[in-house]
Full PDB file with SEQRES, HELIX, SHEET, SSBOND, CRYST1, ORIGX, SCALE, CONECT and MASTER records, all heavy atoms in Angstrom:
SEQRES   1 A   43  GLU HIS LYS SER GLU GLU LEU LEU THR GLU ASP PHE TYR          
SEQRES   2 A   43  ASP GLU ARG ALA PRO GLY TYR ASP LYS ALA HIS GLY ASN          
SEQRES   3 A   43  THR VAL ILE LEU THR LEU ASP MET TYR ASN ARG LYS MET          
SEQRES   4 A   43  TYR LEU ALA GLY                                              
HELIX    1 AA1 GLU A    5  ARG A   16  1                                  12    
SHEET    1 AA1 2 ILE A  29  ASP A  33  0                                        
SHEET    2 AA1 2 LYS A  38  ALA A  42 -1                                        
CRYST1    1.000    1.000    1.000  90.00  90.00  90.00 P 1           1          
ORIGX1      1.000000  0.000000  0.000000        0.00000                         
ORIGX2      0.000000  1.000000  0.000000        0.00000                         
ORIGX3      0.000000  0.000000  1.000000        0.00000                         
SCALE1      1.000000  0.000000  0.000000        0.00000                         
SCALE2      0.000000  1.000000  0.000000        0.00000                         
SCALE3      0.000000  0.000000  1.000000        0.00000                         
ATOM      1  N   GLU A   1     -30.694  14.237  40.651  1.00  0.00           N  
ATOM      2  CA  GLU A   1     -31.865  13.868  39.852  1.00  0.00           C  
ATOM      3  C   GLU A   1     -31.738  14.327  38.401  1.00  0.00           C  
ATOM      4  O   GLU A   1     -32.615  14.064  37.583  1.00  0.00           O  
ATOM      5  CB  GLU A   1     -33.129  14.477  40.473  1.00  0.00           C  
ATOM      6  CG  GLU A   1     -33.414  13.962  41.883  1.00  0.00           C  
ATOM      7  CD  GLU A   1     -34.664  14.568  42.480  1.00  0.00           C  
ATOM      8  OE1 GLU A   1     -35.419  15.228  41.724  1.00  0.00           O  
ATOM      9  OE2 GLU A   1     -34.884  14.398  43.679  1.00  0.00           O  
ATOM     10  N   HIS A   2     -30.641  15.015  38.095  1.00  0.00           N  
ATOM     11  CA  HIS A   2     -30.330  15.465  36.725  1.00  0.00           C  
ATOM     12  C   HIS A   2     -31.435  16.333  36.118  1.00  0.00           C  
ATOM     13  O   HIS A   2     -31.805  16.177  34.949  1.00  0.00           O  
ATOM     14  CB  HIS A   2     -30.055  14.258  35.821  1.00  0.00           C  
ATOM     15  CG  HIS A   2     -28.935  13.398  36.323  1.00  0.00           C  
ATOM     16  ND1 HIS A   2     -28.647  12.152  35.780  1.00  0.00           N  
ATOM     17  CD2 HIS A   2     -28.037  13.582  37.318  1.00  0.00           C  
ATOM     18  CE1 HIS A   2     -27.626  11.615  36.429  1.00  0.00           C  
ATOM     19  NE2 HIS A   2     -27.235  12.477  37.374  1.00  0.00           N  
ATOM     20  N   LYS A   3     -31.938  17.264  36.916  1.00  0.00           N  
ATOM     21  CA  LYS A   3     -32.925  18.212  36.412  1.00  0.00           C  
ATOM     22  C   LYS A   3     -32.207  19.313  35.623  1.00  0.00           C  
ATOM     23  O   LYS A   3     -30.989  19.459  35.693  1.00  0.00           O  
ATOM     24  CB  LYS A   3     -33.687  18.856  37.574  1.00  0.00           C  
ATOM     25  CG  LYS A   3     -34.434  17.889  38.479  1.00  0.00           C  
ATOM     26  CD  LYS A   3     -35.079  18.651  39.636  1.00  0.00           C  
ATOM     27  CE  LYS A   3     -35.815  17.737  40.592  1.00  0.00           C  
ATOM     28  NZ  LYS A   3     -36.409  18.479  41.745  1.00  0.00           N  
ATOM     29  N   SER A   4     -32.973  20.124  34.918  1.00  0.00           N  
ATOM     30  CA  SER A   4     -32.391  21.318  34.317  1.00  0.00           C  
ATOM     31  C   SER A   4     -32.101  22.311  35.436  1.00  0.00           C  
ATOM     32  O   SER A   4     -32.705  22.245  36.518  1.00  0.00           O  
ATOM     33  CB  SER A   4     -33.350  21.944  33.303  1.00  0.00           C  
ATOM     34  OG  SER A   4     -34.469  22.524  33.970  1.00  0.00           O  
ATOM     35  N   GLU A   5     -31.182  23.236  35.182  1.00  0.00           N  
ATOM     36  CA  GLU A   5     -30.840  24.216  36.217  1.00  0.00           C  
ATOM     37  C   GLU A   5     -32.041  25.104  36.572  1.00  0.00           C  
ATOM     38  O   GLU A   5     -32.196  25.533  37.723  1.00  0.00           O  
ATOM     39  CB  GLU A   5     -29.645  25.075  35.775  1.00  0.00           C  
ATOM     40  CG  GLU A   5     -29.899  26.030  34.622  1.00  0.00           C  
ATOM     41  CD  GLU A   5     -29.848  25.362  33.246  1.00  0.00           C  
ATOM     42  OE1 GLU A   5     -29.742  24.125  33.185  1.00  0.00           O  
ATOM     43  OE2 GLU A   5     -29.913  26.096  32.241  1.00  0.00           O  
ATOM     44  N   GLU A   6     -32.915  25.350  35.601  1.00  0.00           N  
ATOM     45  CA  GLU A   6     -34.099  26.167  35.881  1.00  0.00           C  
ATOM     46  C   GLU A   6     -35.084  25.410  36.757  1.00  0.00           C  
ATOM     47  O   GLU A   6     -35.608  25.962  37.741  1.00  0.00           O  
ATOM     48  CB  GLU A   6     -34.779  26.588  34.572  1.00  0.00           C  
ATOM     49  CG  GLU A   6     -36.013  27.455  34.789  1.00  0.00           C  
ATOM     50  CD  GLU A   6     -36.629  27.965  33.489  1.00  0.00           C  
ATOM     51  OE1 GLU A   6     -36.057  27.694  32.406  1.00  0.00           O  
ATOM     52  OE2 GLU A   6     -37.682  28.631  33.563  1.00  0.00           O  
ATOM     53  N   LEU A   7     -35.340  24.155  36.425  1.00  0.00           N  
ATOM     54  CA  LEU A   7     -36.279  23.350  37.217  1.00  0.00           C  
ATOM     55  C   LEU A   7     -35.732  23.130  38.623  1.00  0.00           C  
ATOM     56  O   LEU A   7     -36.498  23.122  39.605  1.00  0.00           O  
ATOM     57  CB  LEU A   7     -36.531  22.010  36.538  1.00  0.00           C  
ATOM     58  CG  LEU A   7     -37.550  21.085  37.222  1.00  0.00           C  
ATOM     59  CD1 LEU A   7     -38.908  21.790  37.361  1.00  0.00           C  
ATOM     60  CD2 LEU A   7     -37.693  19.772  36.455  1.00  0.00           C  
ATOM     61  N   LEU A   8     -34.425  22.985  38.733  1.00  0.00           N  
ATOM     62  CA  LEU A   8     -33.788  22.821  40.041  1.00  0.00           C  
ATOM     63  C   LEU A   8     -34.076  24.036  40.924  1.00  0.00           C  
ATOM     64  O   LEU A   8     -34.399  23.908  42.112  1.00  0.00           O  
ATOM     65  CB  LEU A   8     -32.280  22.642  39.854  1.00  0.00           C  
ATOM     66  CG  LEU A   8     -31.457  22.186  41.065  1.00  0.00           C  
ATOM     67  CD1 LEU A   8     -31.862  20.773  41.487  1.00  0.00           C  
ATOM     68  CD2 LEU A   8     -29.969  22.219  40.725  1.00  0.00           C  
ATOM     69  N   THR A   9     -33.992  25.198  40.328  1.00  0.00           N  
ATOM     70  CA  THR A   9     -34.248  26.443  41.054  1.00  0.00           C  
ATOM     71  C   THR A   9     -35.735  26.586  41.397  1.00  0.00           C  
ATOM     72  O   THR A   9     -36.099  26.981  42.520  1.00  0.00           O  
ATOM     73  CB  THR A   9     -33.800  27.654  40.212  1.00  0.00           C  
ATOM     74  OG1 THR A   9     -32.438  27.481  39.825  1.00  0.00           O  
ATOM     75  CG2 THR A   9     -33.949  28.954  40.991  1.00  0.00           C  
ATOM     76  N   GLU A  10     -36.586  26.272  40.443  1.00  0.00           N  
ATOM     77  CA  GLU A  10     -38.032  26.390  40.663  1.00  0.00           C  
ATOM     78  C   GLU A  10     -38.502  25.454  41.776  1.00  0.00           C  
ATOM     79  O   GLU A  10     -39.302  25.849  42.637  1.00  0.00           O  
ATOM     80  CB  GLU A  10     -38.778  26.091  39.370  1.00  0.00           C  
ATOM     81  CG  GLU A  10     -38.588  27.152  38.285  1.00  0.00           C  
ATOM     82  CD  GLU A  10     -39.254  26.773  36.972  1.00  0.00           C  
ATOM     83  OE1 GLU A  10     -39.580  25.577  36.782  1.00  0.00           O  
ATOM     84  OE2 GLU A  10     -39.448  27.675  36.137  1.00  0.00           O  
ATOM     85  N   ASP A  11     -38.018  24.210  41.752  1.00  0.00           N  
ATOM     86  CA  ASP A  11     -38.428  23.254  42.792  1.00  0.00           C  
ATOM     87  C   ASP A  11     -37.907  23.668  44.162  1.00  0.00           C  
ATOM     88  O   ASP A  11     -38.578  23.451  45.186  1.00  0.00           O  
ATOM     89  CB  ASP A  11     -37.922  21.855  42.439  1.00  0.00           C  
ATOM     90  CG  ASP A  11     -38.723  21.225  41.296  1.00  0.00           C  
ATOM     91  OD1 ASP A  11     -39.766  21.799  40.911  1.00  0.00           O  
ATOM     92  OD2 ASP A  11     -38.302  20.172  40.785  1.00  0.00           O  
ATOM     93  N   PHE A  12     -36.729  24.268  44.206  1.00  0.00           N  
ATOM     94  CA  PHE A  12     -36.195  24.781  45.467  1.00  0.00           C  
ATOM     95  C   PHE A  12     -37.160  25.830  46.035  1.00  0.00           C  
ATOM     96  O   PHE A  12     -37.491  25.811  47.225  1.00  0.00           O  
ATOM     97  CB  PHE A  12     -34.810  25.392  45.250  1.00  0.00           C  
ATOM     98  CG  PHE A  12     -34.212  26.024  46.472  1.00  0.00           C  
ATOM     99  CD1 PHE A  12     -33.342  25.306  47.297  1.00  0.00           C  
ATOM    100  CD2 PHE A  12     -34.513  27.338  46.826  1.00  0.00           C  
ATOM    101  CE1 PHE A  12     -32.803  25.887  48.446  1.00  0.00           C  
ATOM    102  CE2 PHE A  12     -33.971  27.928  47.961  1.00  0.00           C  
ATOM    103  CZ  PHE A  12     -33.113  27.193  48.771  1.00  0.00           C  
ATOM    104  N   TYR A  13     -37.616  26.734  45.186  1.00  0.00           N  
ATOM    105  CA  TYR A  13     -38.512  27.802  45.640  1.00  0.00           C  
ATOM    106  C   TYR A  13     -39.856  27.228  46.086  1.00  0.00           C  
ATOM    107  O   TYR A  13     -40.401  27.635  47.123  1.00  0.00           O  
ATOM    108  CB  TYR A  13     -38.717  28.823  44.526  1.00  0.00           C  
ATOM    109  CG  TYR A  13     -39.518  30.033  44.954  1.00  0.00           C  
ATOM    110  CD1 TYR A  13     -38.907  31.083  45.645  1.00  0.00           C  
ATOM    111  CD2 TYR A  13     -40.883  30.126  44.675  1.00  0.00           C  
ATOM    112  CE1 TYR A  13     -39.636  32.195  46.052  1.00  0.00           C  
ATOM    113  CE2 TYR A  13     -41.610  31.231  45.075  1.00  0.00           C  
ATOM    114  CZ  TYR A  13     -40.985  32.267  45.762  1.00  0.00           C  
ATOM    115  OH  TYR A  13     -41.719  33.354  46.172  1.00  0.00           O  
ATOM    116  N   ASP A  14     -40.386  26.298  45.315  1.00  0.00           N  
ATOM    117  CA  ASP A  14     -41.677  25.703  45.663  1.00  0.00           C  
ATOM    118  C   ASP A  14     -41.614  24.943  46.980  1.00  0.00           C  
ATOM    119  O   ASP A  14     -42.487  25.067  47.843  1.00  0.00           O  
ATOM    120  CB  ASP A  14     -42.141  24.752  44.553  1.00  0.00           C  
ATOM    121  CG  ASP A  14     -42.759  25.485  43.369  1.00  0.00           C  
ATOM    122  OD1 ASP A  14     -43.129  26.664  43.529  1.00  0.00           O  
ATOM    123  OD2 ASP A  14     -42.848  24.881  42.282  1.00  0.00           O  
ATOM    124  N   GLU A  15     -40.570  24.135  47.150  1.00  0.00           N  
ATOM    125  CA  GLU A  15     -40.487  23.218  48.289  1.00  0.00           C  
ATOM    126  C   GLU A  15     -40.027  23.901  49.579  1.00  0.00           C  
ATOM    127  O   GLU A  15     -40.486  23.558  50.668  1.00  0.00           O  
ATOM    128  CB  GLU A  15     -39.549  22.058  47.948  1.00  0.00           C  
ATOM    129  CG  GLU A  15     -40.079  21.185  46.806  1.00  0.00           C  
ATOM    130  CD  GLU A  15     -39.021  20.253  46.231  1.00  0.00           C  
ATOM    131  OE1 GLU A  15     -37.907  20.193  46.820  1.00  0.00           O  
ATOM    132  OE2 GLU A  15     -39.296  19.599  45.214  1.00  0.00           O  
ATOM    133  N   ARG A  16     -39.129  24.889  49.477  1.00  0.00           N  
ATOM    134  CA  ARG A  16     -38.571  25.496  50.695  1.00  0.00           C  
ATOM    135  C   ARG A  16     -39.236  26.826  51.045  1.00  0.00           C  
ATOM    136  O   ARG A  16     -39.025  27.353  52.130  1.00  0.00           O  
ATOM    137  CB  ARG A  16     -37.072  25.688  50.538  1.00  0.00           C  
ATOM    138  CG  ARG A  16     -36.395  24.448  49.958  1.00  0.00           C  
ATOM    139  CD  ARG A  16     -35.068  24.160  50.538  1.00  0.00           C  
ATOM    140  NE  ARG A  16     -34.428  23.046  49.849  1.00  0.00           N  
ATOM    141  CZ  ARG A  16     -33.247  22.554  50.150  1.00  0.00           C  
ATOM    142  NH1 ARG A  16     -32.547  23.086  51.142  1.00  0.00           N  
ATOM    143  NH2 ARG A  16     -32.744  21.531  49.480  1.00  0.00           N  
ATOM    144  N   ALA A  17     -40.019  27.344  50.134  1.00  0.00           N  
ATOM    145  CA  ALA A  17     -40.848  28.529  50.378  1.00  0.00           C  
ATOM    146  C   ALA A  17     -40.093  29.694  51.012  1.00  0.00           C  
ATOM    147  O   ALA A  17     -40.503  30.216  52.047  1.00  0.00           O  
ATOM    148  CB  ALA A  17     -42.043  28.153  51.252  1.00  0.00           C  
ATOM    149  N   PRO A  18     -38.987  30.140  50.399  1.00  0.00           N  
ATOM    150  CA  PRO A  18     -38.283  31.295  50.961  1.00  0.00           C  
ATOM    151  C   PRO A  18     -39.042  32.585  50.691  1.00  0.00           C  
ATOM    152  O   PRO A  18     -39.996  32.609  49.913  1.00  0.00           O  
ATOM    153  CB  PRO A  18     -36.948  31.276  50.197  1.00  0.00           C  
ATOM    154  CG  PRO A  18     -37.310  30.698  48.863  1.00  0.00           C  
ATOM    155  CD  PRO A  18     -38.375  29.665  49.153  1.00  0.00           C  
ATOM    156  N   GLY A  19     -38.597  33.664  51.314  1.00  0.00           N  
ATOM    157  CA  GLY A  19     -39.233  34.964  51.102  1.00  0.00           C  
ATOM    158  C   GLY A  19     -39.007  35.856  52.295  1.00  0.00           C  
ATOM    159  O   GLY A  19     -39.246  35.440  53.436  1.00  0.00           O  
ATOM    160  N   TYR A  20     -38.548  37.056  52.068  1.00  0.00           N  
ATOM    161  CA  TYR A  20     -38.270  37.966  53.178  1.00  0.00           C  
ATOM    162  C   TYR A  20     -39.551  38.350  53.917  1.00  0.00           C  
ATOM    163  O   TYR A  20     -39.592  38.374  55.149  1.00  0.00           O  
ATOM    164  CB  TYR A  20     -37.587  39.240  52.664  1.00  0.00           C  
ATOM    165  CG  TYR A  20     -37.321  40.249  53.762  1.00  0.00           C  
ATOM    166  CD1 TYR A  20     -36.185  40.154  54.559  1.00  0.00           C  
ATOM    167  CD2 TYR A  20     -38.219  41.277  54.019  1.00  0.00           C  
ATOM    168  CE1 TYR A  20     -35.944  41.060  55.584  1.00  0.00           C  
ATOM    169  CE2 TYR A  20     -37.995  42.195  55.040  1.00  0.00           C  
ATOM    170  CZ  TYR A  20     -36.861  42.076  55.816  1.00  0.00           C  
ATOM    171  OH  TYR A  20     -36.638  42.973  56.833  1.00  0.00           O  
ATOM    172  N   ASP A  21     -40.594  38.647  53.160  1.00  0.00           N  
ATOM    173  CA  ASP A  21     -41.823  39.159  53.740  1.00  0.00           C  
ATOM    174  C   ASP A  21     -42.791  38.066  54.173  1.00  0.00           C  
ATOM    175  O   ASP A  21     -43.580  38.237  55.090  1.00  0.00           O  
ATOM    176  CB  ASP A  21     -42.520  40.091  52.744  1.00  0.00           C  
ATOM    177  CG  ASP A  21     -42.666  39.455  51.359  1.00  0.00           C  
ATOM    178  OD1 ASP A  21     -41.867  38.547  51.033  1.00  0.00           O  
ATOM    179  OD2 ASP A  21     -43.561  39.868  50.601  1.00  0.00           O  
ATOM    180  N   LYS A  22     -42.720  36.913  53.520  1.00  0.00           N  
ATOM    181  CA  LYS A  22     -43.629  35.804  53.795  1.00  0.00           C  
ATOM    182  C   LYS A  22     -43.106  34.570  53.082  1.00  0.00           C  
ATOM    183  O   LYS A  22     -42.166  34.632  52.282  1.00  0.00           O  
ATOM    184  CB  LYS A  22     -45.028  36.138  53.291  1.00  0.00           C  
ATOM    185  CG  LYS A  22     -45.079  36.360  51.781  1.00  0.00           C  
ATOM    186  CD  LYS A  22     -46.483  36.707  51.289  1.00  0.00           C  
ATOM    187  CE  LYS A  22     -46.466  36.932  49.770  1.00  0.00           C  
ATOM    188  NZ  LYS A  22     -47.819  37.252  49.259  1.00  0.00           N  
ATOM    189  N   ALA A  23     -43.696  33.417  53.388  1.00  0.00           N  
ATOM    190  CA  ALA A  23     -43.358  32.206  52.642  1.00  0.00           C  
ATOM    191  C   ALA A  23     -43.747  32.407  51.188  1.00  0.00           C  
ATOM    192  O   ALA A  23     -44.816  32.950  50.888  1.00  0.00           O  
ATOM    193  CB  ALA A  23     -44.104  31.012  53.240  1.00  0.00           C  
ATOM    194  N   HIS A  24     -42.865  31.996  50.275  1.00  0.00           N  
ATOM    195  CA  HIS A  24     -43.060  32.251  48.846  1.00  0.00           C  
ATOM    196  C   HIS A  24     -43.211  33.759  48.607  1.00  0.00           C  
ATOM    197  O   HIS A  24     -44.153  34.204  47.957  1.00  0.00           O  
ATOM    198  CB  HIS A  24     -44.271  31.503  48.288  1.00  0.00           C  
ATOM    199  CG  HIS A  24     -44.086  30.019  48.244  1.00  0.00           C  
ATOM    200  ND1 HIS A  24     -44.987  29.140  48.787  1.00  0.00           N  
ATOM    201  CD2 HIS A  24     -43.084  29.262  47.741  1.00  0.00           C  
ATOM    202  CE1 HIS A  24     -44.560  27.886  48.615  1.00  0.00           C  
ATOM    203  NE2 HIS A  24     -43.402  27.939  47.973  1.00  0.00           N  
ATOM    204  N   GLY A  25     -42.262  34.521  49.128  1.00  0.00           N  
ATOM    205  CA  GLY A  25     -42.293  35.975  48.988  1.00  0.00           C  
ATOM    206  C   GLY A  25     -41.123  36.488  48.169  1.00  0.00           C  
ATOM    207  O   GLY A  25     -40.601  35.798  47.279  1.00  0.00           O  
ATOM    208  N   ASN A  26     -40.692  37.716  48.482  1.00  0.00           N  
ATOM    209  CA  ASN A  26     -39.620  38.377  47.728  1.00  0.00           C  
ATOM    210  C   ASN A  26     -38.302  37.607  47.863  1.00  0.00           C  
ATOM    211  O   ASN A  26     -37.771  37.483  48.966  1.00  0.00           O  
ATOM    212  CB  ASN A  26     -39.416  39.807  48.245  1.00  0.00           C  
ATOM    213  CG  ASN A  26     -40.666  40.652  48.149  1.00  0.00           C  
ATOM    214  OD1 ASN A  26     -41.535  40.409  47.315  1.00  0.00           O  
ATOM    215  ND2 ASN A  26     -40.768  41.658  49.006  1.00  0.00           N  
ATOM    216  N   THR A  27     -37.798  37.135  46.738  1.00  0.00           N  
ATOM    217  CA  THR A  27     -36.593  36.300  46.769  1.00  0.00           C  
ATOM    218  C   THR A  27     -35.782  36.453  45.483  1.00  0.00           C  
ATOM    219  O   THR A  27     -36.345  36.631  44.409  1.00  0.00           O  
ATOM    220  CB  THR A  27     -36.962  34.797  46.927  1.00  0.00           C  
ATOM    221  OG1 THR A  27     -37.824  34.635  48.053  1.00  0.00           O  
ATOM    222  CG2 THR A  27     -35.725  33.943  47.112  1.00  0.00           C  
ATOM    223  N   VAL A  28     -34.461  36.370  45.629  1.00  0.00           N  
ATOM    224  CA  VAL A  28     -33.563  36.223  44.488  1.00  0.00           C  
ATOM    225  C   VAL A  28     -32.688  35.006  44.788  1.00  0.00           C  
ATOM    226  O   VAL A  28     -32.117  34.906  45.874  1.00  0.00           O  
ATOM    227  CB  VAL A  28     -32.675  37.469  44.284  1.00  0.00           C  
ATOM    228  CG1 VAL A  28     -31.706  37.245  43.119  1.00  0.00           C  
ATOM    229  CG2 VAL A  28     -33.532  38.701  44.022  1.00  0.00           C  
ATOM    230  N   ILE A  29     -32.611  34.083  43.843  1.00  0.00           N  
ATOM    231  CA  ILE A  29     -31.867  32.841  44.060  1.00  0.00           C  
ATOM    232  C   ILE A  29     -30.794  32.663  42.990  1.00  0.00           C  
ATOM    233  O   ILE A  29     -31.085  32.753  41.792  1.00  0.00           O  
ATOM    234  CB  ILE A  29     -32.793  31.603  44.014  1.00  0.00           C  
ATOM    235  CG1 ILE A  29     -33.931  31.730  45.030  1.00  0.00           C  
ATOM    236  CG2 ILE A  29     -31.998  30.322  44.273  1.00  0.00           C  
ATOM    237  CD1 ILE A  29     -34.956  30.599  44.943  1.00  0.00           C  
ATOM    238  N   LEU A  30     -29.570  32.401  43.438  1.00  0.00           N  
ATOM    239  CA  LEU A  30     -28.502  31.999  42.521  1.00  0.00           C  
ATOM    240  C   LEU A  30     -28.248  30.515  42.747  1.00  0.00           C  
ATOM    241  O   LEU A  30     -27.881  30.093  43.845  1.00  0.00           O  
ATOM    242  CB  LEU A  30     -27.209  32.783  42.779  1.00  0.00           C  
ATOM    243  CG  LEU A  30     -26.006  32.307  41.960  1.00  0.00           C  
ATOM    244  CD1 LEU A  30     -26.221  32.539  40.458  1.00  0.00           C  
ATOM    245  CD2 LEU A  30     -24.720  32.999  42.410  1.00  0.00           C  
ATOM    246  N   THR A  31     -28.470  29.721  41.707  1.00  0.00           N  
ATOM    247  CA  THR A  31     -28.275  28.267  41.785  1.00  0.00           C  
ATOM    248  C   THR A  31     -27.058  27.859  40.978  1.00  0.00           C  
ATOM    249  O   THR A  31     -26.909  28.275  39.819  1.00  0.00           O  
ATOM    250  CB  THR A  31     -29.510  27.527  41.232  1.00  0.00           C  
ATOM    251  OG1 THR A  31     -30.650  27.861  42.025  1.00  0.00           O  
ATOM    252  CG2 THR A  31     -29.299  26.019  41.262  1.00  0.00           C  
ATOM    253  N   LEU A  32     -26.196  27.049  41.586  1.00  0.00           N  
ATOM    254  CA  LEU A  32     -25.076  26.435  40.860  1.00  0.00           C  
ATOM    255  C   LEU A  32     -25.361  24.946  40.721  1.00  0.00           C  
ATOM    256  O   LEU A  32     -25.411  24.214  41.721  1.00  0.00           O  
ATOM    257  CB  LEU A  32     -23.747  26.646  41.610  1.00  0.00           C  
ATOM    258  CG  LEU A  32     -22.786  27.657  40.957  1.00  0.00           C  
ATOM    259  CD1 LEU A  32     -23.450  29.026  40.914  1.00  0.00           C  
ATOM    260  CD2 LEU A  32     -21.478  27.737  41.724  1.00  0.00           C  
ATOM    261  N   ASP A  33     -25.595  24.526  39.487  1.00  0.00           N  
ATOM    262  CA  ASP A  33     -25.866  23.130  39.166  1.00  0.00           C  
ATOM    263  C   ASP A  33     -24.537  22.494  38.769  1.00  0.00           C  
ATOM    264  O   ASP A  33     -24.066  22.673  37.641  1.00  0.00           O  
ATOM    265  CB  ASP A  33     -26.881  23.070  38.022  1.00  0.00           C  
ATOM    266  CG  ASP A  33     -27.126  21.666  37.514  1.00  0.00           C  
ATOM    267  OD1 ASP A  33     -26.535  20.705  38.060  1.00  0.00           O  
ATOM    268  OD2 ASP A  33     -27.891  21.532  36.540  1.00  0.00           O  
ATOM    269  N   MET A  34     -23.929  21.742  39.678  1.00  0.00           N  
ATOM    270  CA  MET A  34     -22.599  21.183  39.442  1.00  0.00           C  
ATOM    271  C   MET A  34     -22.638  19.979  38.501  1.00  0.00           C  
ATOM    272  O   MET A  34     -21.602  19.593  37.955  1.00  0.00           O  
ATOM    273  CB  MET A  34     -21.944  20.799  40.771  1.00  0.00           C  
ATOM    274  CG  MET A  34     -21.807  21.953  41.756  1.00  0.00           C  
ATOM    275  SD  MET A  34     -20.991  23.414  41.060  1.00  0.00           S  
ATOM    276  CE  MET A  34     -19.323  22.774  40.842  1.00  0.00           C  
ATOM    277  N   TYR A  35     -23.811  19.394  38.291  1.00  0.00           N  
ATOM    278  CA  TYR A  35     -23.925  18.277  37.351  1.00  0.00           C  
ATOM    279  C   TYR A  35     -23.892  18.770  35.908  1.00  0.00           C  
ATOM    280  O   TYR A  35     -23.119  18.269  35.074  1.00  0.00           O  
ATOM    281  CB  TYR A  35     -25.212  17.491  37.614  1.00  0.00           C  
ATOM    282  CG  TYR A  35     -25.442  16.375  36.602  1.00  0.00           C  
ATOM    283  CD1 TYR A  35     -24.748  15.175  36.694  1.00  0.00           C  
ATOM    284  CD2 TYR A  35     -26.359  16.545  35.556  1.00  0.00           C  
ATOM    285  CE1 TYR A  35     -24.952  14.164  35.758  1.00  0.00           C  
ATOM    286  CE2 TYR A  35     -26.570  15.549  34.623  1.00  0.00           C  
ATOM    287  CZ  TYR A  35     -25.857  14.354  34.719  1.00  0.00           C  
ATOM    288  OH  TYR A  35     -26.058  13.359  33.778  1.00  0.00           O  
ATOM    289  N   ASN A  36     -24.713  19.750  35.607  1.00  0.00           N  
ATOM    290  CA  ASN A  36     -24.760  20.297  34.247  1.00  0.00           C  
ATOM    291  C   ASN A  36     -23.743  21.404  34.019  1.00  0.00           C  
ATOM    292  O   ASN A  36     -23.624  21.897  32.898  1.00  0.00           O  
ATOM    293  CB  ASN A  36     -26.167  20.842  33.957  1.00  0.00           C  
ATOM    294  CG  ASN A  36     -27.216  19.744  33.880  1.00  0.00           C  
ATOM    295  OD1 ASN A  36     -27.043  18.760  33.177  1.00  0.00           O  
ATOM    296  ND2 ASN A  36     -28.305  19.916  34.628  1.00  0.00           N  
ATOM    297  N   ARG A  37     -23.030  21.790  35.092  1.00  0.00           N  
ATOM    298  CA  ARG A  37     -22.076  22.903  35.038  1.00  0.00           C  
ATOM    299  C   ARG A  37     -22.758  24.163  34.493  1.00  0.00           C  
ATOM    300  O   ARG A  37     -22.285  24.836  33.583  1.00  0.00           O  
ATOM    301  CB  ARG A  37     -20.862  22.548  34.164  1.00  0.00           C  
ATOM    302  CG  ARG A  37     -20.088  21.329  34.617  1.00  0.00           C  
ATOM    303  CD  ARG A  37     -19.400  21.559  35.937  1.00  0.00           C  
ATOM    304  NE  ARG A  37     -18.364  22.601  35.859  1.00  0.00           N  
ATOM    305  CZ  ARG A  37     -17.614  22.963  36.898  1.00  0.00           C  
ATOM    306  NH1 ARG A  37     -17.802  22.397  38.091  1.00  0.00           N  
ATOM    307  NH2 ARG A  37     -16.692  23.911  36.767  1.00  0.00           N  
ATOM    308  N   LYS A  38     -23.891  24.471  35.104  1.00  0.00           N  
ATOM    309  CA  LYS A  38     -24.635  25.671  34.729  1.00  0.00           C  
ATOM    310  C   LYS A  38     -25.096  26.403  35.979  1.00  0.00           C  
ATOM    311  O   LYS A  38     -25.305  25.798  37.035  1.00  0.00           O  
ATOM    312  CB  LYS A  38     -25.854  25.319  33.866  1.00  0.00           C  
ATOM    313  CG  LYS A  38     -25.498  24.913  32.437  1.00  0.00           C  
ATOM    314  CD  LYS A  38     -26.751  24.790  31.587  1.00  0.00           C  
ATOM    315  CE  LYS A  38     -26.398  24.527  30.131  1.00  0.00           C  
ATOM    316  NZ  LYS A  38     -27.612  24.467  29.274  1.00  0.00           N  
ATOM    317  N   MET A  39     -25.255  27.714  35.829  1.00  0.00           N  
ATOM    318  CA  MET A  39     -25.828  28.519  36.900  1.00  0.00           C  
ATOM    319  C   MET A  39     -27.159  29.076  36.435  1.00  0.00           C  
ATOM    320  O   MET A  39     -27.397  29.225  35.232  1.00  0.00           O  
ATOM    321  CB  MET A  39     -24.873  29.662  37.287  1.00  0.00           C  
ATOM    322  CG  MET A  39     -24.757  30.763  36.235  1.00  0.00           C  
ATOM    323  SD  MET A  39     -23.663  32.108  36.763  1.00  0.00           S  
ATOM    324  CE  MET A  39     -22.062  31.377  36.439  1.00  0.00           C  
ATOM    325  N   TYR A  40     -28.024  29.373  37.390  1.00  0.00           N  
ATOM    326  CA  TYR A  40     -29.311  29.982  37.066  1.00  0.00           C  
ATOM    327  C   TYR A  40     -29.624  31.019  38.128  1.00  0.00           C  
ATOM    328  O   TYR A  40     -29.530  30.754  39.335  1.00  0.00           O  
ATOM    329  CB  TYR A  40     -30.421  28.936  37.015  1.00  0.00           C  
ATOM    330  CG  TYR A  40     -31.704  29.459  36.409  1.00  0.00           C  
ATOM    331  CD1 TYR A  40     -31.857  29.526  35.032  1.00  0.00           C  
ATOM    332  CD2 TYR A  40     -32.762  29.908  37.208  1.00  0.00           C  
ATOM    333  CE1 TYR A  40     -33.026  30.024  34.457  1.00  0.00           C  
ATOM    334  CE2 TYR A  40     -33.920  30.406  36.641  1.00  0.00           C  
ATOM    335  CZ  TYR A  40     -34.051  30.459  35.266  1.00  0.00           C  
ATOM    336  OH  TYR A  40     -35.201  30.962  34.699  1.00  0.00           O  
ATOM    337  N   LEU A  41     -29.978  32.205  37.684  1.00  0.00           N  
ATOM    338  CA  LEU A  41     -30.343  33.290  38.600  1.00  0.00           C  
ATOM    339  C   LEU A  41     -31.803  33.640  38.376  1.00  0.00           C  
ATOM    340  O   LEU A  41     -32.211  33.925  37.239  1.00  0.00           O  
ATOM    341  CB  LEU A  41     -29.460  34.516  38.339  1.00  0.00           C  
ATOM    342  CG  LEU A  41     -29.749  35.764  39.187  1.00  0.00           C  
ATOM    343  CD1 LEU A  41     -29.596  35.451  40.668  1.00  0.00           C  
ATOM    344  CD2 LEU A  41     -28.806  36.901  38.795  1.00  0.00           C  
ATOM    345  N   ALA A  42     -32.597  33.603  39.433  1.00  0.00           N  
ATOM    346  CA  ALA A  42     -34.033  33.859  39.324  1.00  0.00           C  
ATOM    347  C   ALA A  42     -34.480  34.865  40.371  1.00  0.00           C  
ATOM    348  O   ALA A  42     -33.976  34.877  41.495  1.00  0.00           O  
ATOM    349  CB  ALA A  42     -34.815  32.563  39.489  1.00  0.00           C  
ATOM    350  N   GLY A  43     -35.432  35.714  39.983  1.00  0.00           N  
ATOM    351  CA  GLY A  43     -36.032  36.668  40.917  1.00  0.00           C  
ATOM    352  C   GLY A  43     -37.521  36.427  41.032  1.00  0.00           C  
ATOM    353  O   GLY A  43     -38.206  36.227  40.016  1.00  0.00           O  
TER     354      GLY A  43                                                      
MASTER        0    0    0    1    2    0    0    6  353    1    0    4          
END                                                                             
């Protein structure tokens, strides 16, 4: 969909609701965007 690497990461968190303690909880995500050749790390 050619999103930015940040939006790609944000939508992943919103849609898949990860989290150790609960849905949408404590998470660290490393995203590799192979289209834009960029990585994004979010906590």
